[in-house]
Structures are given as structure tokens and as C-alpha cells.
Amino acid sequence: MDKPKSETPYKPLGKKLKELRISANESLAEASGAVEIDVRQLASFELGQSRPTEDVFLLLLSHFGVKDDEAVKLWEIAGYSMAKIPVIHMVSDISNNQNAGTDSHVLFTDIVDVVVNNYGVVMNFMQNTGPGSQPSVVAKVGMSREHAKSVLQILQVTLSQTEQNQRRINAPDNIDDSTRKT
């Protein structure tokens, strides 16, 4: 027996989320575990009974590797305000990104607000806009805890390599190994 429409207000969104999970060849338990939400909660989303919060929704989109255009469509289907749409760039492998290195738009930030909860990690990158004013959010990025750990590791390795290269560049060439301090 079909449920009345009022019991499944997010049915189109739920259908899309289920399609993403199935195409990723994951069970409800695997997908919910990856973004650290309860299995019943994900099932409720897929059945269209409820919709995820914006942060959880971003985690799901990221986990399933949803590309920019599709992510925007899903954001609209979820009924979230397009005025509040976060910067969504969901390419998990940069080698698959045909625009890698060609995007000239870089947002520099001076404040990062990090929220960690049972669902994962959300980072709000902000800029100060002047004395006496509140910082404005320029990008909001959500991810699973597992993905956040890998991002942290990549940052640590990359920064370490950059610092080592910089020390080599700055080291004088005319000092031989016997006079170098160790």
C-alpha cells in the first residue's frame, strides 16, 4: 500500500540518494558508516521521509563523488536555498578533473572554523571584512572523518616537502659537507 504523499515529502531526493548508494555498490550500513550517521537515518532519507541537514547532505555528496552540476541539481531537489549554496567541488581524484590547474579563482581566507561531530567534519573558511564587522564565509566544506584524516595527512606531507625544498634552495652552494653543521 502506498504511503500518502505527506509521509514521504522528500521522495525524489530519497530516490536519488538511493541511486547514488547503489551505483557505489554500498549497503546502507557501509554508506551510513562512511559519513558517520545512523543506518536508520540514511534509510529515512532514502525513503523520502526526511532530508539530511545541509552538513550531512554535503558529506553524502562528497562520499559518493558527486560532480558539481549534479550536486547543484540535488541541492535544489533537497529544497535548500540556492542563495546559501556552498562552494561545491566534488572531484575526489584530481587527475580526473579536466579543469585541474586552470581555475584562476582562488579564495584566500584568514579564519577557519572547524566543526566536528558524529556526522563528520565541516570547515567554514572565512575572511575578515574590516574592523567591527563579522567575518564572512567564503567556502563551506563538509567531509567524513575518514576523508578529513586523509586531507590532514596530505597537507602534512605536502607542507613538509615544501619546507624541505625551501631549505635546499636557501642553503649556500659553496659550503662543502665537512663544514656543514649537523
N, C-alpha and C. Protein backbone atom coordinates (compact mmCIF):
# COMPACT_ATOMS: atom_id res chain seq x y z
N MET A 1 0.83 -1.18 0.00
CA MET A 1 0.00 0.00 0.00
C MET A 1 0.87 1.24 0.00
N ASP A 2 0.61 2.18 -0.87
CA ASP A 2 1.39 3.40 -0.96
C ASP A 2 1.11 4.31 0.22
N LYS A 3 2.18 4.95 0.68
CA LYS A 3 2.03 5.92 1.76
C LYS A 3 1.48 7.22 1.17
N PRO A 4 0.70 7.94 1.96
CA PRO A 4 0.26 9.25 1.49
C PRO A 4 1.46 10.13 1.22
N LYS A 5 1.32 11.03 0.27
CA LYS A 5 2.43 11.89 -0.14
C LYS A 5 3.03 12.67 1.03
N SER A 6 2.21 13.04 2.01
CA SER A 6 2.69 13.83 3.14
C SER A 6 3.69 13.05 4.01
N GLU A 7 3.65 11.70 3.95
CA GLU A 7 4.59 10.91 4.74
C GLU A 7 5.93 10.75 4.04
N THR A 8 5.99 11.09 2.78
CA THR A 8 7.25 10.99 2.02
C THR A 8 7.50 12.30 1.25
N PRO A 9 7.68 13.40 1.97
CA PRO A 9 7.82 14.69 1.29
C PRO A 9 9.11 14.83 0.48
N TYR A 10 10.10 13.98 0.76
CA TYR A 10 11.39 14.11 0.07
C TYR A 10 11.67 12.88 -0.79
N LYS A 11 10.61 12.32 -1.35
CA LYS A 11 10.75 11.09 -2.15
C LYS A 11 11.71 11.24 -3.33
N PRO A 12 11.64 12.34 -4.13
CA PRO A 12 12.59 12.48 -5.25
C PRO A 12 14.06 12.52 -4.77
N LEU A 13 14.29 13.20 -3.67
CA LEU A 13 15.64 13.26 -3.12
C LEU A 13 16.07 11.88 -2.63
N GLY A 14 15.18 11.20 -1.93
CA GLY A 14 15.48 9.87 -1.42
C GLY A 14 15.84 8.90 -2.53
N LYS A 15 15.08 8.98 -3.62
CA LYS A 15 15.33 8.10 -4.77
C LYS A 15 16.74 8.36 -5.33
N LYS A 16 17.11 9.63 -5.45
CA LYS A 16 18.45 9.98 -5.97
C LYS A 16 19.55 9.49 -5.03
N LEU A 17 19.34 9.67 -3.72
CA LEU A 17 20.35 9.21 -2.74
C LEU A 17 20.52 7.69 -2.81
N LYS A 18 19.41 6.98 -2.94
CA LYS A 18 19.49 5.52 -3.04
C LYS A 18 20.22 5.11 -4.32
N GLU A 19 19.94 5.81 -5.43
CA GLU A 19 20.62 5.52 -6.70
C GLU A 19 22.13 5.72 -6.55
N LEU A 20 22.53 6.80 -5.87
CA LEU A 20 23.96 7.06 -5.66
C LEU A 20 24.60 5.93 -4.85
N ARG A 21 23.91 5.50 -3.80
CA ARG A 21 24.45 4.44 -2.94
C ARG A 21 24.56 3.13 -3.70
N ILE A 22 23.53 2.80 -4.47
CA ILE A 22 23.55 1.55 -5.23
C ILE A 22 24.63 1.58 -6.31
N SER A 23 24.77 2.72 -6.99
CA SER A 23 25.81 2.81 -8.03
C SER A 23 27.21 2.76 -7.42
N ALA A 24 27.32 3.12 -6.14
CA ALA A 24 28.61 2.99 -5.45
C ALA A 24 28.80 1.57 -4.91
N ASN A 25 27.78 0.72 -5.12
CA ASN A 25 27.82 -0.67 -4.69
C ASN A 25 28.03 -0.78 -3.17
N GLU A 26 27.27 0.03 -2.43
CA GLU A 26 27.39 0.03 -0.97
C GLU A 26 26.06 -0.32 -0.32
N SER A 27 26.16 -0.97 0.82
CA SER A 27 24.97 -1.26 1.62
C SER A 27 24.62 0.00 2.41
N LEU A 28 23.43 0.00 2.99
CA LEU A 28 23.05 1.11 3.87
C LEU A 28 24.07 1.28 5.00
N ALA A 29 24.50 0.16 5.56
CA ALA A 29 25.46 0.21 6.68
C ALA A 29 26.79 0.80 6.24
N GLU A 30 27.27 0.41 5.06
CA GLU A 30 28.55 0.93 4.57
C GLU A 30 28.49 2.43 4.32
N ALA A 31 27.44 2.87 3.63
CA ALA A 31 27.32 4.29 3.30
C ALA A 31 27.11 5.13 4.56
N SER A 32 26.24 4.67 5.45
CA SER A 32 26.00 5.45 6.67
C SER A 32 27.24 5.48 7.55
N GLY A 33 27.99 4.39 7.59
CA GLY A 33 29.22 4.36 8.37
C GLY A 33 30.27 5.29 7.81
N ALA A 34 30.32 5.41 6.48
CA ALA A 34 31.32 6.27 5.84
C ALA A 34 31.12 7.74 6.20
N VAL A 35 29.87 8.15 6.36
CA VAL A 35 29.59 9.55 6.70
C VAL A 35 29.17 9.71 8.17
N GLU A 36 29.28 8.61 8.90
CA GLU A 36 29.07 8.58 10.34
C GLU A 36 27.68 9.06 10.76
N ILE A 37 26.67 8.46 10.12
CA ILE A 37 25.29 8.68 10.55
C ILE A 37 24.67 7.31 10.83
N ASP A 38 23.56 7.30 11.51
CA ASP A 38 22.87 6.07 11.84
C ASP A 38 22.24 5.47 10.59
N VAL A 39 22.25 4.14 10.50
CA VAL A 39 21.68 3.43 9.35
C VAL A 39 20.21 3.81 9.17
N ARG A 40 19.47 3.89 10.27
CA ARG A 40 18.04 4.23 10.19
C ARG A 40 17.85 5.64 9.62
N GLN A 41 18.79 6.51 9.94
CA GLN A 41 18.70 7.88 9.44
C GLN A 41 18.86 7.90 7.92
N LEU A 42 19.86 7.18 7.41
CA LEU A 42 20.06 7.11 5.96
C LEU A 42 18.86 6.45 5.29
N ALA A 43 18.32 5.40 5.91
CA ALA A 43 17.14 4.73 5.35
C ALA A 43 15.97 5.72 5.27
N SER A 44 15.82 6.55 6.29
CA SER A 44 14.76 7.55 6.30
C SER A 44 14.94 8.56 5.17
N PHE A 45 16.20 8.93 4.90
CA PHE A 45 16.47 9.85 3.78
C PHE A 45 16.08 9.19 2.46
N GLU A 46 16.52 7.93 2.29
CA GLU A 46 16.26 7.23 1.03
C GLU A 46 14.78 6.96 0.81
N LEU A 47 14.04 6.78 1.88
CA LEU A 47 12.60 6.55 1.76
C LEU A 47 11.83 7.85 1.54
N GLY A 48 12.53 8.98 1.64
CA GLY A 48 11.90 10.27 1.41
C GLY A 48 11.12 10.78 2.61
N GLN A 49 11.31 10.17 3.76
CA GLN A 49 10.59 10.57 4.97
C GLN A 49 11.19 11.81 5.61
N SER A 50 12.48 11.99 5.41
CA SER A 50 13.16 13.17 5.96
C SER A 50 14.31 13.52 5.03
N ARG A 51 14.87 14.68 5.25
CA ARG A 51 16.04 15.06 4.44
C ARG A 51 17.20 15.33 5.38
N PRO A 52 18.40 15.10 4.89
CA PRO A 52 19.57 15.35 5.73
C PRO A 52 19.77 16.84 5.96
N THR A 53 20.46 17.16 7.04
CA THR A 53 20.84 18.55 7.24
C THR A 53 21.80 18.92 6.11
N GLU A 54 22.04 20.20 5.92
CA GLU A 54 22.95 20.64 4.85
C GLU A 54 24.33 20.01 5.03
N ASP A 55 24.82 19.96 6.28
CA ASP A 55 26.15 19.40 6.53
C ASP A 55 26.22 17.92 6.19
N VAL A 56 25.22 17.16 6.61
CA VAL A 56 25.19 15.72 6.32
C VAL A 56 25.02 15.51 4.82
N PHE A 57 24.20 16.34 4.19
CA PHE A 57 23.99 16.23 2.75
C PHE A 57 25.31 16.45 2.00
N LEU A 58 26.08 17.44 2.41
CA LEU A 58 27.39 17.68 1.79
C LEU A 58 28.32 16.48 1.98
N LEU A 59 28.27 15.87 3.16
CA LEU A 59 29.09 14.68 3.40
C LEU A 59 28.69 13.54 2.46
N LEU A 60 27.39 13.36 2.28
CA LEU A 60 26.92 12.31 1.37
C LEU A 60 27.35 12.59 -0.06
N LEU A 61 27.19 13.82 -0.51
CA LEU A 61 27.60 14.19 -1.87
C LEU A 61 29.09 13.95 -2.07
N SER A 62 29.87 14.33 -1.09
CA SER A 62 31.32 14.14 -1.17
C SER A 62 31.67 12.65 -1.18
N HIS A 63 31.05 11.90 -0.29
CA HIS A 63 31.32 10.46 -0.20
C HIS A 63 31.03 9.75 -1.51
N PHE A 64 29.94 10.10 -2.16
CA PHE A 64 29.56 9.44 -3.41
C PHE A 64 30.26 10.05 -4.62
N GLY A 65 31.09 11.07 -4.41
CA GLY A 65 31.86 11.66 -5.51
C GLY A 65 31.00 12.37 -6.53
N VAL A 66 29.93 13.00 -6.07
CA VAL A 66 29.01 13.69 -6.97
C VAL A 66 29.71 14.90 -7.58
N LYS A 67 29.62 15.03 -8.88
CA LYS A 67 30.24 16.15 -9.61
C LYS A 67 29.43 17.42 -9.42
N ASP A 68 30.05 18.55 -9.70
CA ASP A 68 29.48 19.87 -9.44
C ASP A 68 28.05 20.06 -9.93
N ASP A 69 27.80 19.82 -11.23
CA ASP A 69 26.48 20.08 -11.80
C ASP A 69 25.40 19.23 -11.16
N GLU A 70 25.72 17.95 -10.96
CA GLU A 70 24.75 17.05 -10.33
C GLU A 70 24.52 17.45 -8.88
N ALA A 71 25.58 17.88 -8.19
CA ALA A 71 25.45 18.30 -6.79
C ALA A 71 24.50 19.49 -6.68
N VAL A 72 24.61 20.42 -7.60
CA VAL A 72 23.73 21.59 -7.59
C VAL A 72 22.27 21.16 -7.82
N LYS A 73 22.05 20.23 -8.76
CA LYS A 73 20.69 19.73 -9.01
C LYS A 73 20.13 19.06 -7.77
N LEU A 74 20.95 18.24 -7.11
CA LEU A 74 20.49 17.55 -5.90
C LEU A 74 20.21 18.55 -4.78
N TRP A 75 21.03 19.59 -4.70
CA TRP A 75 20.83 20.64 -3.70
C TRP A 75 19.45 21.28 -3.89
N GLU A 76 19.09 21.51 -5.16
CA GLU A 76 17.77 22.07 -5.48
C GLU A 76 16.65 21.09 -5.14
N ILE A 77 16.84 19.81 -5.50
CA ILE A 77 15.83 18.79 -5.21
C ILE A 77 15.61 18.70 -3.69
N ALA A 78 16.68 18.87 -2.92
CA ALA A 78 16.56 18.79 -1.46
C ALA A 78 15.78 19.97 -0.90
N GLY A 79 15.63 21.02 -1.72
CA GLY A 79 14.86 22.18 -1.28
C GLY A 79 15.65 23.19 -0.49
N TYR A 80 16.98 23.11 -0.60
CA TYR A 80 17.82 24.09 0.09
C TYR A 80 17.90 25.36 -0.74
N SER A 81 18.07 26.48 -0.09
CA SER A 81 18.13 27.78 -0.74
C SER A 81 19.35 27.86 -1.65
N MET A 82 19.11 28.28 -2.88
CA MET A 82 20.23 28.45 -3.82
C MET A 82 21.10 29.62 -3.41
N ALA A 83 20.55 30.56 -2.64
CA ALA A 83 21.34 31.69 -2.17
C ALA A 83 22.38 31.22 -1.15
N LYS A 84 22.10 30.11 -0.48
CA LYS A 84 23.01 29.59 0.54
C LYS A 84 23.85 28.44 0.04
N ILE A 85 23.82 28.16 -1.26
CA ILE A 85 24.54 27.00 -1.77
C ILE A 85 26.03 27.17 -1.50
N PRO A 86 26.64 26.16 -0.91
CA PRO A 86 28.06 26.25 -0.61
C PRO A 86 28.88 26.07 -1.88
N VAL A 87 30.15 26.36 -1.77
CA VAL A 87 31.05 26.08 -2.88
C VAL A 87 31.18 24.57 -2.94
N ILE A 88 30.65 23.98 -4.01
CA ILE A 88 30.65 22.53 -4.13
C ILE A 88 31.62 22.17 -5.25
N HIS A 89 32.62 21.40 -4.89
CA HIS A 89 33.55 20.89 -5.88
C HIS A 89 33.86 19.47 -5.46
N MET A 90 33.18 18.52 -6.05
CA MET A 90 33.21 17.15 -5.56
C MET A 90 34.01 16.23 -6.47
N VAL A 91 35.24 16.51 -6.73
CA VAL A 91 36.08 15.62 -7.53
C VAL A 91 37.08 14.99 -6.59
N SER A 92 36.98 13.67 -6.41
CA SER A 92 37.83 13.01 -5.45
C SER A 92 39.22 12.71 -6.00
N ASP A 93 39.38 12.63 -7.30
CA ASP A 93 40.67 12.34 -7.90
C ASP A 93 41.01 13.47 -8.86
N ILE A 94 42.02 14.27 -8.51
CA ILE A 94 42.35 15.45 -9.31
C ILE A 94 42.75 15.10 -10.73
N SER A 95 43.28 13.89 -10.95
CA SER A 95 43.66 13.51 -12.32
C SER A 95 42.44 13.35 -13.22
N ASN A 96 41.28 13.13 -12.62
CA ASN A 96 40.06 13.02 -13.42
C ASN A 96 39.43 14.38 -13.68
N ASN A 97 39.95 15.42 -13.05
CA ASN A 97 39.38 16.76 -13.19
C ASN A 97 40.02 17.43 -14.40
N GLN A 98 39.27 17.61 -15.45
CA GLN A 98 39.82 18.19 -16.67
C GLN A 98 40.19 19.65 -16.49
N ASN A 99 39.61 20.31 -15.49
CA ASN A 99 39.91 21.72 -15.26
C ASN A 99 40.98 21.93 -14.20
N ALA A 100 41.62 20.86 -13.74
CA ALA A 100 42.62 21.00 -12.69
C ALA A 100 43.73 21.94 -13.16
N GLY A 101 44.04 22.90 -12.33
CA GLY A 101 45.12 23.83 -12.64
C GLY A 101 44.70 24.98 -13.53
N THR A 102 43.51 24.97 -14.09
CA THR A 102 43.10 26.06 -14.98
C THR A 102 42.15 27.03 -14.31
N ASP A 103 41.65 26.71 -13.12
CA ASP A 103 40.74 27.60 -12.42
C ASP A 103 41.54 28.74 -11.81
N SER A 104 41.29 29.96 -12.26
CA SER A 104 42.06 31.10 -11.77
C SER A 104 41.44 31.74 -10.54
N HIS A 105 40.30 31.24 -10.07
CA HIS A 105 39.63 31.81 -8.92
C HIS A 105 40.09 31.11 -7.64
N VAL A 106 40.89 31.80 -6.86
CA VAL A 106 41.36 31.28 -5.58
C VAL A 106 40.86 32.21 -4.50
N LEU A 107 40.19 31.64 -3.51
CA LEU A 107 39.71 32.41 -2.38
C LEU A 107 40.70 32.26 -1.23
N PHE A 108 41.25 33.37 -0.77
CA PHE A 108 42.16 33.33 0.35
C PHE A 108 41.38 33.63 1.61
N THR A 109 41.69 32.90 2.67
CA THR A 109 40.97 33.08 3.92
C THR A 109 41.95 33.35 5.04
N ASP A 110 41.44 33.98 6.10
CA ASP A 110 42.29 34.20 7.26
C ASP A 110 41.68 33.61 8.53
N ILE A 111 40.52 32.96 8.40
CA ILE A 111 39.88 32.31 9.54
C ILE A 111 39.28 30.99 9.06
N VAL A 112 39.45 29.96 9.86
CA VAL A 112 38.80 28.68 9.57
C VAL A 112 38.08 28.24 10.83
N ASP A 113 36.81 27.98 10.70
CA ASP A 113 36.00 27.46 11.80
C ASP A 113 35.72 26.00 11.48
N VAL A 114 36.17 25.10 12.36
CA VAL A 114 36.02 23.67 12.12
C VAL A 114 35.01 23.09 13.10
N VAL A 115 34.02 22.39 12.58
CA VAL A 115 33.02 21.73 13.41
C VAL A 115 33.15 20.22 13.19
N VAL A 116 33.36 19.49 14.27
CA VAL A 116 33.47 18.03 14.20
C VAL A 116 32.35 17.46 15.06
N ASN A 117 31.58 16.56 14.47
CA ASN A 117 30.53 15.89 15.23
C ASN A 117 30.43 14.45 14.76
N ASN A 118 29.39 13.76 15.18
CA ASN A 118 29.23 12.35 14.82
C ASN A 118 29.05 12.15 13.32
N TYR A 119 28.67 13.20 12.60
CA TYR A 119 28.44 13.08 11.17
C TYR A 119 29.70 13.29 10.34
N GLY A 120 30.69 13.94 10.89
CA GLY A 120 31.91 14.20 10.15
C GLY A 120 32.48 15.55 10.50
N VAL A 121 33.08 16.19 9.52
CA VAL A 121 33.79 17.45 9.71
C VAL A 121 33.24 18.47 8.71
N VAL A 122 32.99 19.67 9.20
CA VAL A 122 32.60 20.78 8.34
C VAL A 122 33.55 21.93 8.62
N MET A 123 34.16 22.45 7.56
CA MET A 123 35.08 23.58 7.70
C MET A 123 34.47 24.79 7.02
N ASN A 124 34.36 25.86 7.77
CA ASN A 124 33.89 27.14 7.23
C ASN A 124 35.12 28.02 7.05
N PHE A 125 35.46 28.32 5.81
CA PHE A 125 36.58 29.20 5.52
C PHE A 125 36.02 30.61 5.41
N MET A 126 36.60 31.53 6.20
CA MET A 126 36.06 32.88 6.28
C MET A 126 37.12 33.94 6.03
N GLN A 127 36.66 35.14 5.72
CA GLN A 127 37.53 36.30 5.54
C GLN A 127 37.05 37.42 6.45
N ASN A 128 38.01 38.11 7.05
CA ASN A 128 37.66 39.33 7.77
C ASN A 128 37.29 40.38 6.74
N THR A 129 36.25 41.13 7.02
CA THR A 129 35.80 42.13 6.06
C THR A 129 36.05 43.55 6.55
N GLY A 130 36.72 43.68 7.67
CA GLY A 130 37.03 45.01 8.18
C GLY A 130 36.78 45.11 9.67
N PRO A 131 37.29 46.18 10.26
CA PRO A 131 37.13 46.35 11.70
C PRO A 131 35.65 46.47 12.09
N GLY A 132 35.30 45.78 13.16
CA GLY A 132 33.95 45.87 13.68
C GLY A 132 32.91 45.04 12.95
N SER A 133 33.28 44.35 11.89
CA SER A 133 32.29 43.55 11.15
C SER A 133 32.56 42.07 11.37
N GLN A 134 31.54 41.28 11.19
CA GLN A 134 31.66 39.84 11.33
C GLN A 134 32.37 39.26 10.10
N PRO A 135 33.22 38.23 10.30
CA PRO A 135 33.84 37.58 9.14
C PRO A 135 32.76 36.96 8.26
N SER A 136 33.01 36.94 6.96
CA SER A 136 32.04 36.33 6.05
C SER A 136 32.58 34.99 5.55
N VAL A 137 31.68 34.01 5.44
CA VAL A 137 32.04 32.69 4.96
C VAL A 137 32.23 32.76 3.45
N VAL A 138 33.40 32.31 2.97
CA VAL A 138 33.65 32.29 1.53
C VAL A 138 33.58 30.88 0.96
N ALA A 139 33.69 29.88 1.83
CA ALA A 139 33.56 28.48 1.39
C ALA A 139 33.21 27.63 2.59
N LYS A 140 32.40 26.62 2.33
CA LYS A 140 32.00 25.67 3.37
C LYS A 140 32.24 24.29 2.80
N VAL A 141 33.05 23.49 3.50
CA VAL A 141 33.41 22.17 3.00
C VAL A 141 33.07 21.13 4.06
N GLY A 142 32.32 20.12 3.65
CA GLY A 142 31.98 19.02 4.55
C GLY A 142 32.58 17.73 4.06
N MET A 143 32.95 16.87 4.99
CA MET A 143 33.53 15.58 4.63
C MET A 143 33.40 14.61 5.79
N SER A 144 33.58 13.33 5.50
CA SER A 144 33.57 12.33 6.55
C SER A 144 34.84 12.48 7.38
N ARG A 145 34.84 11.92 8.57
CA ARG A 145 36.04 11.96 9.42
C ARG A 145 37.21 11.26 8.72
N GLU A 146 36.91 10.16 8.05
CA GLU A 146 37.94 9.40 7.34
C GLU A 146 38.60 10.27 6.27
N HIS A 147 37.79 10.97 5.51
CA HIS A 147 38.33 11.84 4.46
C HIS A 147 39.11 13.00 5.08
N ALA A 148 38.63 13.54 6.19
CA ALA A 148 39.33 14.64 6.87
C ALA A 148 40.72 14.19 7.31
N LYS A 149 40.82 12.97 7.79
CA LYS A 149 42.13 12.44 8.21
C LYS A 149 43.07 12.34 7.00
N SER A 150 42.54 11.90 5.86
CA SER A 150 43.41 11.80 4.67
C SER A 150 43.82 13.18 4.18
N VAL A 151 42.91 14.16 4.26
CA VAL A 151 43.26 15.54 3.87
C VAL A 151 44.36 16.07 4.79
N LEU A 152 44.22 15.82 6.08
CA LEU A 152 45.23 16.27 7.04
C LEU A 152 46.59 15.65 6.72
N GLN A 153 46.59 14.36 6.43
CA GLN A 153 47.84 13.68 6.09
C GLN A 153 48.46 14.27 4.82
N ILE A 154 47.65 14.51 3.81
CA ILE A 154 48.16 15.09 2.57
C ILE A 154 48.74 16.48 2.83
N LEU A 155 48.06 17.29 3.65
CA LEU A 155 48.57 18.62 3.99
C LEU A 155 49.91 18.53 4.71
N GLN A 156 50.00 17.61 5.68
CA GLN A 156 51.24 17.46 6.43
C GLN A 156 52.40 17.06 5.52
N VAL A 157 52.18 16.08 4.66
CA VAL A 157 53.23 15.61 3.76
C VAL A 157 53.63 16.72 2.79
N THR A 158 52.64 17.38 2.20
CA THR A 158 52.92 18.43 1.22
C THR A 158 53.66 19.61 1.86
N LEU A 159 53.22 20.04 3.02
CA LEU A 159 53.91 21.15 3.71
C LEU A 159 55.33 20.76 4.09
N SER A 160 55.51 19.54 4.56
CA SER A 160 56.84 19.06 4.93
C SER A 160 57.77 19.05 3.71
N GLN A 161 57.27 18.54 2.59
CA GLN A 161 58.09 18.50 1.37
C GLN A 161 58.43 19.91 0.90
N THR A 162 57.48 20.82 0.98
CA THR A 162 57.70 22.20 0.56
C THR A 162 58.75 22.85 1.44
N GLU A 163 58.68 22.62 2.74
CA GLU A 163 59.67 23.19 3.67
C GLU A 163 61.06 22.62 3.40
N GLN A 164 61.16 21.32 3.12
CA GLN A 164 62.46 20.71 2.82
C GLN A 164 63.03 21.30 1.53
N ASN A 165 62.21 21.46 0.52
CA ASN A 165 62.66 22.05 -0.75
C ASN A 165 63.12 23.49 -0.55
N GLN A 166 62.39 24.24 0.27
CA GLN A 166 62.75 25.63 0.52
C GLN A 166 64.10 25.71 1.24
N ARG A 167 64.36 24.81 2.19
CA ARG A 167 65.66 24.80 2.90
C ARG A 167 66.80 24.50 1.92
N ARG A 168 66.56 23.57 0.99
CA ARG A 168 67.59 23.24 -0.01
C ARG A 168 67.88 24.44 -0.91
N ILE A 169 66.84 25.15 -1.29
CA ILE A 169 67.01 26.32 -2.17
C ILE A 169 67.78 27.41 -1.45
N ASN A 170 67.50 27.61 -0.18
CA ASN A 170 68.14 28.67 0.59
C ASN A 170 69.53 28.30 1.10
N ALA A 171 69.94 27.03 1.04
CA ALA A 171 71.26 26.62 1.54
C ALA A 171 72.34 27.12 0.58
N PRO A 172 73.43 27.68 1.12
CA PRO A 172 74.52 28.15 0.26
C PRO A 172 75.17 26.98 -0.48
N ASP A 173 75.52 27.19 -1.76
CA ASP A 173 76.12 26.14 -2.58
C ASP A 173 77.60 25.95 -2.31
N ASN A 174 78.27 26.97 -1.76
CA ASN A 174 79.73 26.89 -1.64
C ASN A 174 80.20 26.24 -0.35
N ILE A 175 79.31 25.73 0.47
CA ILE A 175 79.72 25.06 1.70
C ILE A 175 79.82 23.59 1.41
N ASP A 176 81.01 23.01 1.72
CA ASP A 176 81.13 21.57 1.50
C ASP A 176 80.59 20.81 2.72
N ASP A 177 80.40 19.52 2.57
CA ASP A 177 79.78 18.71 3.60
C ASP A 177 80.58 18.70 4.90
N SER A 178 81.88 18.86 4.86
CA SER A 178 82.69 18.79 6.08
C SER A 178 82.50 20.04 6.95
N THR A 179 82.09 21.17 6.39
CA THR A 179 81.93 22.37 7.20
C THR A 179 80.49 22.64 7.60
N ARG A 180 79.58 21.82 7.07
CA ARG A 180 78.16 21.99 7.40
C ARG A 180 77.88 21.51 8.80
N LYS A 181 77.05 22.24 9.53
CA LYS A 181 76.63 21.80 10.86
C LYS A 181 75.62 20.69 10.71
N THR A 182 75.70 19.72 11.58
CA THR A 182 74.72 18.62 11.52
C THR A 182 73.91 18.56 12.77
